[in-house]
PDB file of all heavy atoms in Angstrom:
ATOM      1  N   ARG A   1       0.864  -1.252   0.000  1.00  0.00           N
ATOM      2  CA  ARG A   1       0.044  -0.031   0.010  1.00  0.00           C
ATOM      3  C   ARG A   1       0.886   1.222   0.018  1.00  0.00           C
ATOM      4  O   ARG A   1       2.023   1.195   0.383  1.00  0.00           O
ATOM      5  CB  ARG A   1      -0.958   0.029   1.205  1.00  0.00           C
ATOM      6  CG  ARG A   1      -0.302   0.170   2.528  1.00  0.00           C
ATOM      7  CD  ARG A   1      -1.327   0.133   3.665  1.00  0.00           C
ATOM      8  NE  ARG A   1      -0.715   0.283   4.922  1.00  0.00           N
ATOM      9  CZ  ARG A   1      -1.353   0.013   6.084  1.00  0.00           C
ATOM     10  NH1 ARG A   1      -2.579  -0.373   6.107  1.00  0.00           N
ATOM     11  NH2 ARG A   1      -0.762   0.298   7.269  1.00  0.00           N
ATOM     12  N   GLN A   2       0.334   2.324  -0.491  1.00  0.00           N
ATOM     13  CA  GLN A   2       0.992   3.599  -0.511  1.00  0.00           C
ATOM     14  C   GLN A   2       0.019   4.731  -0.229  1.00  0.00           C
ATOM     15  O   GLN A   2      -0.923   4.880  -0.935  1.00  0.00           O
ATOM     16  CB  GLN A   2       1.673   3.839  -1.851  1.00  0.00           C
ATOM     17  CG  GLN A   2       2.554   5.042  -1.858  1.00  0.00           C
ATOM     18  CD  GLN A   2       3.462   5.126  -3.179  1.00  0.00           C
ATOM     19  OE1 GLN A   2       3.204   4.472  -4.074  1.00  0.00           O
ATOM     20  NE2 GLN A   2       4.532   5.898  -2.998  1.00  0.00           N
ATOM     21  N   ALA A   3       0.270   5.368   0.851  1.00  0.00           N
ATOM     22  CA  ALA A   3      -0.485   6.517   1.339  1.00  0.00           C
ATOM     23  C   ALA A   3       0.114   7.835   0.769  1.00  0.00           C
ATOM     24  O   ALA A   3       1.371   7.820   0.477  1.00  0.00           O
ATOM     25  CB  ALA A   3      -0.585   6.595   2.819  1.00  0.00           C
ATOM     26  N   PRO A   4      -0.694   8.862   0.575  1.00  0.00           N
ATOM     27  CA  PRO A   4      -0.123  10.064   0.090  1.00  0.00           C
ATOM     28  C   PRO A   4       1.076  10.555   0.822  1.00  0.00           C
ATOM     29  O   PRO A   4       1.071  10.711   2.076  1.00  0.00           O
ATOM     30  CB  PRO A   4      -1.286  11.151   0.159  1.00  0.00           C
ATOM     31  CG  PRO A   4      -2.515  10.219   0.110  1.00  0.00           C
ATOM     32  CD  PRO A   4      -2.138   8.979   0.873  1.00  0.00           C
ATOM     33  N   GLY A   5       2.153  10.883   0.257  1.00  0.00           N
ATOM     34  CA  GLY A   5       3.336  11.421   0.799  1.00  0.00           C
ATOM     35  C   GLY A   5       4.171  10.371   1.571  1.00  0.00           C
ATOM     36  O   GLY A   5       5.164  10.755   2.152  1.00  0.00           O
ATOM     37  N   LYS A   6       3.819   9.091   1.429  1.00  0.00           N
ATOM     38  CA  LYS A   6       4.605   8.115   2.082  1.00  0.00           C
ATOM     39  C   LYS A   6       5.125   7.051   1.070  1.00  0.00           C
ATOM     40  O   LYS A   6       4.615   6.963  -0.078  1.00  0.00           O
ATOM     41  CB  LYS A   6       3.663   7.311   3.128  1.00  0.00           C
ATOM     42  CG  LYS A   6       3.296   8.182   4.262  1.00  0.00           C
ATOM     43  CD  LYS A   6       2.503   7.440   5.314  1.00  0.00           C
ATOM     44  CE  LYS A   6       2.114   8.384   6.528  1.00  0.00           C
ATOM     45  NZ  LYS A   6       1.417   7.516   7.551  1.00  0.00           N
ATOM     46  N   GLN A   7       6.065   6.312   1.563  1.00  0.00           N
ATOM     47  CA  GLN A   7       6.585   5.279   0.719  1.00  0.00           C
ATOM     48  C   GLN A   7       5.746   4.057   0.687  1.00  0.00           C
ATOM     49  O   GLN A   7       4.908   3.766   1.561  1.00  0.00           O
ATOM     50  CB  GLN A   7       7.947   4.858   1.202  1.00  0.00           C
ATOM     51  CG  GLN A   7       9.095   5.890   1.061  1.00  0.00           C
ATOM     52  CD  GLN A   7      10.483   5.337   1.375  1.00  0.00           C
ATOM     53  OE1 GLN A   7      10.584   4.475   2.267  1.00  0.00           O
ATOM     54  NE2 GLN A   7      11.463   5.852   0.744  1.00  0.00           N
ATOM     55  N   ARG A   8       5.823   3.271  -0.433  1.00  0.00           N
ATOM     56  CA  ARG A   8       5.043   2.087  -0.546  1.00  0.00           C
ATOM     57  C   ARG A   8       5.589   1.089   0.473  1.00  0.00           C
ATOM     58  O   ARG A   8       6.800   0.975   0.639  1.00  0.00           O
ATOM     59  CB  ARG A   8       5.147   1.432  -1.911  1.00  0.00           C
ATOM     60  CG  ARG A   8       4.261   0.320  -2.228  1.00  0.00           C
ATOM     61  CD  ARG A   8       4.341  -0.140  -3.689  1.00  0.00           C
ATOM     62  NE  ARG A   8       3.893   0.886  -4.554  1.00  0.00           N
ATOM     63  CZ  ARG A   8       3.648   0.701  -5.843  1.00  0.00           C
ATOM     64  NH1 ARG A   8       3.845  -0.507  -6.377  1.00  0.00           N
ATOM     65  NH2 ARG A   8       3.154   1.619  -6.629  1.00  0.00           N
ATOM     66  N   GLU A   9       4.658   0.379   1.174  1.00  0.00           N
ATOM     67  CA  GLU A   9       5.056  -0.552   2.218  1.00  0.00           C
ATOM     68  C   GLU A   9       4.300  -1.929   2.009  1.00  0.00           C
ATOM     69  O   GLU A   9       3.233  -1.952   1.505  1.00  0.00           O
ATOM     70  CB  GLU A   9       4.687  -0.062   3.659  1.00  0.00           C
ATOM     71  CG  GLU A   9       3.280   0.212   3.945  1.00  0.00           C
ATOM     72  CD  GLU A   9       3.030   0.749   5.310  1.00  0.00           C
ATOM     73  OE1 GLU A   9       3.991   0.896   6.055  1.00  0.00           O
ATOM     74  OE2 GLU A   9       1.904   1.095   5.625  1.00  0.00           O
ATOM     75  N   LEU A  10       5.010  -2.967   2.425  1.00  0.00           N
ATOM     76  CA  LEU A  10       4.461  -4.327   2.239  1.00  0.00           C
ATOM     77  C   LEU A  10       3.479  -4.516   3.403  1.00  0.00           C
ATOM     78  O   LEU A  10       3.858  -4.446   4.532  1.00  0.00           O
ATOM     79  CB  LEU A  10       5.550  -5.363   2.323  1.00  0.00           C
ATOM     80  CG  LEU A  10       5.064  -6.780   2.212  1.00  0.00           C
ATOM     81  CD1 LEU A  10       4.383  -7.041   0.953  1.00  0.00           C
ATOM     82  CD2 LEU A  10       6.272  -7.736   2.354  1.00  0.00           C
ATOM     83  N   VAL A  11       2.205  -4.935   3.064  1.00  0.00           N
ATOM     84  CA  VAL A  11       1.212  -5.164   4.064  1.00  0.00           C
ATOM     85  C   VAL A  11       1.092  -6.569   4.510  1.00  0.00           C
ATOM     86  O   VAL A  11       1.012  -6.931   5.675  1.00  0.00           O
ATOM     87  CB  VAL A  11      -0.125  -4.597   3.539  1.00  0.00           C
ATOM     88  CG1 VAL A  11      -1.252  -4.891   4.554  1.00  0.00           C
ATOM     89  CG2 VAL A  11      -0.073  -3.138   3.223  1.00  0.00           C
ATOM     90  N   ALA A  12       1.093  -7.442   3.475  1.00  0.00           N
ATOM     91  CA  ALA A  12       0.924  -8.881   3.718  1.00  0.00           C
ATOM     92  C   ALA A  12       1.535  -9.611   2.535  1.00  0.00           C
ATOM     93  O   ALA A  12       1.478  -9.191   1.423  1.00  0.00           O
ATOM     94  CB  ALA A  12      -0.545  -9.273   3.907  1.00  0.00           C
ATOM     95  N   ALA A  13       2.068 -10.828   2.853  1.00  0.00           N
ATOM     96  CA  ALA A  13       2.700 -11.593   1.784  1.00  0.00           C
ATOM     97  C   ALA A  13       2.584 -13.095   2.147  1.00  0.00           C
ATOM     98  O   ALA A  13       2.577 -13.489   3.296  1.00  0.00           O
ATOM     99  CB  ALA A  13       4.104 -11.259   1.476  1.00  0.00           C
ATOM    100  N   ILE A  14       2.533 -13.891   1.107  1.00  0.00           N
ATOM    101  CA  ILE A  14       2.703 -15.347   1.193  1.00  0.00           C
ATOM    102  C   ILE A  14       3.988 -15.645   0.454  1.00  0.00           C
ATOM    103  O   ILE A  14       4.077 -15.482  -0.750  1.00  0.00           O
ATOM    104  CB  ILE A  14       1.517 -16.088   0.599  1.00  0.00           C
ATOM    105  CG1 ILE A  14       0.238 -15.712   1.293  1.00  0.00           C
ATOM    106  CG2 ILE A  14       1.752 -17.652   0.812  1.00  0.00           C
ATOM    107  CD1 ILE A  14      -1.020 -16.350   0.650  1.00  0.00           C
ATOM    108  N   ILE A  15       4.967 -16.171   1.147  1.00  0.00           N
ATOM    109  CA  ILE A  15       6.264 -16.492   0.588  1.00  0.00           C
ATOM    110  C   ILE A  15       6.545 -17.902   0.801  1.00  0.00           C
ATOM    111  O   ILE A  15       6.730 -18.350   2.004  1.00  0.00           O
ATOM    112  CB  ILE A  15       7.362 -15.547   1.155  1.00  0.00           C
ATOM    113  CG1 ILE A  15       6.995 -14.136   0.898  1.00  0.00           C
ATOM    114  CG2 ILE A  15       8.670 -15.957   0.538  1.00  0.00           C
ATOM    115  CD1 ILE A  15       8.007 -13.173   1.623  1.00  0.00           C
ATOM    116  N   SER A  16       6.538 -18.756  -0.225  1.00  0.00           N
ATOM    117  CA  SER A  16       6.735 -20.215  -0.061  1.00  0.00           C
ATOM    118  C   SER A  16       5.789 -20.737   0.946  1.00  0.00           C
ATOM    119  O   SER A  16       6.249 -21.620   1.783  1.00  0.00           O
ATOM    120  CB  SER A  16       8.205 -20.508   0.248  1.00  0.00           C
ATOM    121  OG  SER A  16       8.978 -20.053  -0.886  1.00  0.00           O
ATOM    122  N   GLY A  17       4.633 -20.344   1.051  1.00  0.00           N
ATOM    123  CA  GLY A  17       3.583 -20.925   1.984  1.00  0.00           C
ATOM    124  C   GLY A  17       3.612 -20.230   3.327  1.00  0.00           C
ATOM    125  O   GLY A  17       2.671 -20.460   4.089  1.00  0.00           O
ATOM    126  N   ASN A  18       4.536 -19.339   3.651  1.00  0.00           N
ATOM    127  CA  ASN A  18       4.647 -18.679   4.926  1.00  0.00           C
ATOM    128  C   ASN A  18       3.877 -17.343   4.846  1.00  0.00           C
ATOM    129  O   ASN A  18       4.198 -16.581   3.846  1.00  0.00           O
ATOM    130  CB  ASN A  18       6.016 -18.503   5.318  1.00  0.00           C
ATOM    131  CG  ASN A  18       6.753 -19.822   5.546  1.00  0.00           C
ATOM    132  OD1 ASN A  18       6.263 -20.699   6.329  1.00  0.00           O
ATOM    133  ND2 ASN A  18       7.883 -19.994   5.030  1.00  0.00           N
ATOM    134  N   LEU A  19       3.080 -17.063   5.794  1.00  0.00           N
ATOM    135  CA  LEU A  19       2.398 -15.751   5.869  1.00  0.00           C
ATOM    136  C   LEU A  19       3.185 -14.704   6.613  1.00  0.00           C
ATOM    137  O   LEU A  19       3.822 -14.996   7.652  1.00  0.00           O
ATOM    138  CB  LEU A  19       0.995 -15.951   6.604  1.00  0.00           C
ATOM    139  CG  LEU A  19       0.080 -16.983   6.053  1.00  0.00           C
ATOM    140  CD1 LEU A  19      -1.218 -17.124   6.802  1.00  0.00           C
ATOM    141  CD2 LEU A  19      -0.174 -16.733   4.538  1.00  0.00           C
ATOM    142  N   ASN A  20       3.195 -13.561   6.006  1.00  0.00           N
ATOM    143  CA  ASN A  20       3.906 -12.431   6.644  1.00  0.00           C
ATOM    144  C   ASN A  20       3.009 -11.180   6.660  1.00  0.00           C
ATOM    145  O   ASN A  20       2.384 -10.917   5.658  1.00  0.00           O
ATOM    146  CB  ASN A  20       5.256 -12.076   5.851  1.00  0.00           C
ATOM    147  CG  ASN A  20       6.143 -13.285   5.796  1.00  0.00           C
ATOM    148  OD1 ASN A  20       7.022 -13.433   6.643  1.00  0.00           O
ATOM    149  ND2 ASN A  20       5.993 -14.087   4.688  1.00  0.00           N
ATOM    150  N   TYR A  21       3.012 -10.420   7.709  1.00  0.00           N
ATOM    151  CA  TYR A  21       2.237  -9.340   7.875  1.00  0.00           C
ATOM    152  C   TYR A  21       3.036  -8.107   8.449  1.00  0.00           C
ATOM    153  O   TYR A  21       3.814  -8.281   9.360  1.00  0.00           O
ATOM    154  CB  TYR A  21       0.963  -9.549   8.847  1.00  0.00           C
ATOM    155  CG  TYR A  21       0.029 -10.566   8.293  1.00  0.00           C
ATOM    156  CD1 TYR A  21       0.119 -11.885   8.690  1.00  0.00           C
ATOM    157  CD2 TYR A  21      -0.920 -10.181   7.340  1.00  0.00           C
ATOM    158  CE1 TYR A  21      -0.778 -12.895   8.144  1.00  0.00           C
ATOM    159  CE2 TYR A  21      -1.830 -11.064   6.853  1.00  0.00           C
ATOM    160  CZ  TYR A  21      -1.782 -12.416   7.251  1.00  0.00           C
ATOM    161  OH  TYR A  21      -2.627 -13.331   6.687  1.00  0.00           O
ATOM    162  N   LEU A  22       2.591  -6.945   8.058  1.00  0.00           N
ATOM    163  CA  LEU A  22       3.077  -5.700   8.630  1.00  0.00           C
ATOM    164  C   LEU A  22       2.560  -5.691  10.058  1.00  0.00           C
ATOM    165  O   LEU A  22       1.426  -6.017  10.417  1.00  0.00           O
ATOM    166  CB  LEU A  22       2.512  -4.460   7.838  1.00  0.00           C
ATOM    167  CG  LEU A  22       2.946  -3.093   8.311  1.00  0.00           C
ATOM    168  CD1 LEU A  22       4.398  -2.836   8.007  1.00  0.00           C
ATOM    169  CD2 LEU A  22       2.068  -2.086   7.567  1.00  0.00           C
ATOM    170  N   ASP A  23       3.384  -5.212  10.981  1.00  0.00           N
ATOM    171  CA  ASP A  23       2.975  -5.321  12.480  1.00  0.00           C
ATOM    172  C   ASP A  23       1.640  -4.623  12.693  1.00  0.00           C
ATOM    173  O   ASP A  23       0.814  -5.106  13.414  1.00  0.00           O
ATOM    174  CB  ASP A  23       4.095  -4.769  13.338  1.00  0.00           C
ATOM    175  CG  ASP A  23       5.216  -5.598  13.517  1.00  0.00           C
ATOM    176  OD1 ASP A  23       5.144  -6.814  13.196  1.00  0.00           O
ATOM    177  OD2 ASP A  23       6.294  -5.119  13.976  1.00  0.00           O
ATOM    178  N   SER A  24       1.459  -3.506  12.088  1.00  0.00           N
ATOM    179  CA  SER A  24       0.250  -2.709  12.306  1.00  0.00           C
ATOM    180  C   SER A  24      -1.054  -3.295  11.815  1.00  0.00           C
ATOM    181  O   SER A  24      -2.123  -2.869  12.169  1.00  0.00           O
ATOM    182  CB  SER A  24       0.389  -1.248  11.710  1.00  0.00           C
ATOM    183  OG  SER A  24       0.536  -1.362  10.355  1.00  0.00           O
TER     184      SER A  24
END
């Protein structure tokens, strides 16, 4: 996701079956 004036950030991903989430 990318909010106005901010850098794009990874929110959630599935990498080789493993789930990853942004802490927030």
